[in-house]
Amino acid sequence: MNNFGFIITRHVNSENTNRYWNHSIKLLRIFYPTTKIVIIDDNSDTNFLKADYDYTNVEIIQSEFTGRGELLPYYYYIKNKFF
């Protein structure tokens, strides 16, 4: 188990919002190339959802609680004990 990692929530509903999460991962990888990143997806539109690369050490969780993006990182962190 790692000592730390990153949890990102995402809700992609356009090409612009799809760029946000991809850009966030690219920037994190500059300083933390191997650190685990957990993405919690809050009901993204699959028509717009596209990864720019085949990201390594990134776990994507489809949330079972639609529309509760503010609380999802806390819930899944406690439930899964990622770091």
Protein backbone atom coordinates (compact mmCIF):
# COMPACT_ATOMS: atom_id res chain seq x y z
CA MET A 1 0.00 0.00 0.00
CA ASN A 2 1.30 3.46 -0.87
CA ASN A 3 1.63 6.16 1.73
CA PHE A 4 -0.26 8.62 -0.42
CA GLY A 5 -2.03 9.03 -3.72
CA PHE A 6 -4.53 11.22 -5.50
CA ILE A 7 -8.30 11.04 -5.79
CA ILE A 8 -9.97 12.96 -8.61
CA THR A 9 -13.68 13.22 -9.21
CA ARG A 10 -14.91 13.75 -12.73
CA HIS A 11 -18.15 14.41 -14.52
CA VAL A 12 -17.55 14.68 -18.25
CA ASN A 13 -20.39 16.25 -20.19
CA SER A 14 -18.53 17.97 -23.06
CA GLU A 15 -15.25 17.89 -24.95
CA ASN A 16 -14.01 20.71 -22.75
CA THR A 17 -14.63 18.86 -19.48
CA ASN A 18 -13.00 15.77 -20.99
CA ARG A 19 -9.82 17.83 -21.45
CA TYR A 20 -9.83 18.84 -17.76
CA TRP A 21 -9.38 15.37 -16.29
CA ASN A 22 -6.84 14.36 -18.94
CA HIS A 23 -4.84 17.52 -18.27
CA SER A 24 -4.96 16.91 -14.51
CA ILE A 25 -3.47 13.44 -14.89
CA LYS A 26 -0.76 14.68 -17.27
CA LEU A 27 0.29 17.35 -14.77
CA LEU A 28 0.31 14.93 -11.84
CA ARG A 29 2.49 12.52 -13.83
CA ILE A 30 5.16 15.21 -14.28
CA PHE A 31 5.96 15.22 -10.55
CA TYR A 32 4.52 11.85 -9.49
CA PRO A 33 5.15 9.41 -12.36
CA THR A 34 4.25 6.22 -10.45
CA THR A 35 1.90 7.38 -7.70
CA LYS A 36 -1.57 5.86 -7.74
CA ILE A 37 -4.41 8.03 -9.03
CA VAL A 38 -8.02 7.09 -8.34
CA ILE A 39 -10.68 8.66 -10.55
CA ILE A 40 -14.23 8.55 -9.29
CA ASP A 41 -16.59 9.04 -12.18
CA ASP A 42 -19.88 10.73 -11.34
CA ASN A 43 -22.11 9.67 -14.25
CA SER A 44 -20.05 11.01 -17.19
CA ASP A 45 -21.48 11.08 -20.70
CA THR A 46 -19.71 8.27 -22.57
CA ASN A 47 -20.11 10.14 -25.87
CA PHE A 48 -17.52 12.67 -24.68
CA LEU A 49 -15.41 10.51 -22.36
CA LYS A 50 -12.05 9.66 -23.91
CA ALA A 51 -8.60 9.15 -22.41
CA ASP A 52 -5.75 10.85 -24.26
CA TYR A 53 -3.33 8.04 -23.35
CA ASP A 54 -3.30 4.58 -21.83
CA TYR A 55 -2.64 5.79 -18.29
CA THR A 56 -0.71 3.57 -15.89
CA ASN A 57 -1.48 3.15 -12.22
CA VAL A 58 -4.87 4.86 -12.61
CA GLU A 59 -7.95 3.22 -11.17
CA ILE A 60 -11.37 4.37 -12.38
CA ILE A 61 -14.43 3.79 -10.21
CA GLN A 62 -17.93 4.28 -11.58
CA SER A 63 -19.87 5.82 -8.73
CA GLU A 64 -23.06 4.19 -7.64
CA PHE A 65 -24.26 7.52 -6.21
CA THR A 66 -25.12 9.78 -9.14
CA GLY A 67 -24.84 13.53 -8.59
CA ARG A 68 -23.00 13.42 -5.27
CA GLY A 69 -19.56 14.40 -6.54
CA GLU A 70 -18.65 16.53 -3.52
CA LEU A 71 -18.88 13.59 -1.13
CA LEU A 72 -17.62 10.77 -3.33
CA PRO A 73 -13.88 11.14 -2.60
CA TYR A 74 -14.48 10.82 1.15
CA TYR A 75 -16.83 7.89 0.79
CA TYR A 76 -14.57 5.85 -1.49
CA TYR A 77 -11.43 6.74 0.45
CA ILE A 78 -12.92 5.40 3.68
CA LYS A 79 -14.55 2.41 1.98
CA ASN A 80 -11.46 1.24 0.03
CA LYS A 81 -8.55 2.53 2.16
CA PHE A 82 -6.54 3.34 -0.99
CA PHE A 83 -3.56 4.94 0.72
